[in-house]
Amino acid sequence: MIEENPTDTPFPSYLIVDFFDNKPIHVVFSYDEVSDTGYVVTAYIPDSNLWADNFRKRK
């Protein structure tokens, strides 16, 4: 997990990084604890010019 945003609305959100075929992907998802439901907000390939530390920290 890269970031937690507990005050995002309507639900807290999280930014995670994973790798697919050795390529990074960032996924932003939110989670509704009441209904136990997760939502993918967006997914993207991070720009290597903007990210360091194996795509885990912004430059």
C-alpha atoms as a PDB file:
ATOM      1  CA  MET A   1       0.000   0.000   0.000  1.00  0.00           C
ATOM      2  CA  ILE A   2       1.335   3.403  -0.996  1.00  0.00           C
ATOM      3  CA  GLU A   3      -1.267   5.742   0.491  1.00  0.00           C
ATOM      4  CA  GLU A   4      -4.307   5.655   2.731  1.00  0.00           C
ATOM      5  CA  ASN A   5      -6.897   8.418   2.513  1.00  0.00           C
ATOM      6  CA  PRO A   6      -9.284   7.771   5.396  1.00  0.00           C
ATOM      7  CA  THR A   7     -11.186  11.045   4.929  1.00  0.00           C
ATOM      8  CA  ASP A   8     -12.063  10.490   1.252  1.00  0.00           C
ATOM      9  CA  THR A   9     -15.770  10.407   0.545  1.00  0.00           C
ATOM     10  CA  PRO A  10     -17.991   8.611   0.246  1.00  0.00           C
ATOM     11  CA  PHE A  11     -15.544   5.925   1.512  1.00  0.00           C
ATOM     12  CA  PRO A  12     -11.880   5.820   2.546  1.00  0.00           C
ATOM     13  CA  SER A  13      -9.550   5.145  -0.384  1.00  0.00           C
ATOM     14  CA  TYR A  14      -6.219   3.441  -0.857  1.00  0.00           C
ATOM     15  CA  LEU A  15      -3.482   3.499  -3.487  1.00  0.00           C
ATOM     16  CA  ILE A  16      -1.653   0.227  -4.007  1.00  0.00           C
ATOM     17  CA  VAL A  17       1.066  -0.922  -6.387  1.00  0.00           C
ATOM     18  CA  ASP A  18       1.488  -4.354  -7.888  1.00  0.00           C
ATOM     19  CA  PHE A  19       3.339  -5.778 -10.857  1.00  0.00           C
ATOM     20  CA  PHE A  20       1.967  -7.671 -13.835  1.00  0.00           C
ATOM     21  CA  ASP A  21       4.445  -9.142 -16.326  1.00  0.00           C
ATOM     22  CA  ASN A  22       7.121  -7.149 -14.449  1.00  0.00           C
ATOM     23  CA  LYS A  23       5.301  -3.885 -15.204  1.00  0.00           C
ATOM     24  CA  PRO A  24       3.957  -1.671 -12.409  1.00  0.00           C
ATOM     25  CA  ILE A  25       0.300  -0.890 -12.016  1.00  0.00           C
ATOM     26  CA  HIS A  26      -1.307   1.462  -9.521  1.00  0.00           C
ATOM     27  CA  VAL A  27      -4.843   0.785  -8.335  1.00  0.00           C
ATOM     28  CA  VAL A  28      -6.984   3.193  -6.339  1.00  0.00           C
ATOM     29  CA  PHE A  29      -9.829   1.532  -4.516  1.00  0.00           C
ATOM     30  CA  SER A  30     -12.300   2.483  -1.829  1.00  0.00           C
ATOM     31  CA  TYR A  31     -13.923   0.351   0.800  1.00  0.00           C
ATOM     32  CA  ASP A  32     -17.354   0.564   2.394  1.00  0.00           C
ATOM     33  CA  GLU A  33     -17.105  -1.153   5.790  1.00  0.00           C
ATOM     34  CA  VAL A  34     -20.876  -1.132   6.327  1.00  0.00           C
ATOM     35  CA  SER A  35     -21.643  -3.249   3.252  1.00  0.00           C
ATOM     36  CA  ASP A  36     -18.199  -4.939   3.168  1.00  0.00           C
ATOM     37  CA  THR A  37     -17.821  -3.829  -0.457  1.00  0.00           C
ATOM     38  CA  GLY A  38     -14.691  -2.656  -2.274  1.00  0.00           C
ATOM     39  CA  TYR A  39     -14.717  -0.423  -5.343  1.00  0.00           C
ATOM     40  CA  VAL A  40     -11.976   0.032  -7.921  1.00  0.00           C
ATOM     41  CA  VAL A  41     -11.843   3.769  -8.583  1.00  0.00           C
ATOM     42  CA  THR A  42      -9.100   3.684 -11.215  1.00  0.00           C
ATOM     43  CA  ALA A  43      -6.076   1.717 -12.336  1.00  0.00           C
ATOM     44  CA  TYR A  44      -3.144   3.073 -14.315  1.00  0.00           C
ATOM     45  CA  ILE A  45       0.464   2.489 -15.298  1.00  0.00           C
ATOM     46  CA  PRO A  46       2.528   4.965 -13.266  1.00  0.00           C
ATOM     47  CA  ASP A  47       4.936   7.339 -15.007  1.00  0.00           C
ATOM     48  CA  SER A  48       8.537   6.458 -14.120  1.00  0.00           C
ATOM     49  CA  ASN A  49       9.403  10.178 -14.294  1.00  0.00           C
ATOM     50  CA  LEU A  50       7.029  10.839 -11.381  1.00  0.00           C
ATOM     51  CA  TRP A  51       7.660   7.812  -9.160  1.00  0.00           C
ATOM     52  CA  ALA A  52      10.703   6.434  -7.329  1.00  0.00           C
ATOM     53  CA  ASP A  53      11.450   3.570  -4.957  1.00  0.00           C
ATOM     54  CA  ASN A  54       9.985   0.879  -7.213  1.00  0.00           C
ATOM     55  CA  PHE A  55       6.930   3.071  -7.973  1.00  0.00           C
ATOM     56  CA  ARG A  56       6.075   3.464  -4.276  1.00  0.00           C
ATOM     57  CA  LYS A  57       7.081   7.100  -3.649  1.00  0.00           C
ATOM     58  CA  ARG A  58       6.525  10.270  -5.632  1.00  0.00           C
ATOM     59  CA  LYS A  59       9.689  12.030  -6.774  1.00  0.00           C
END
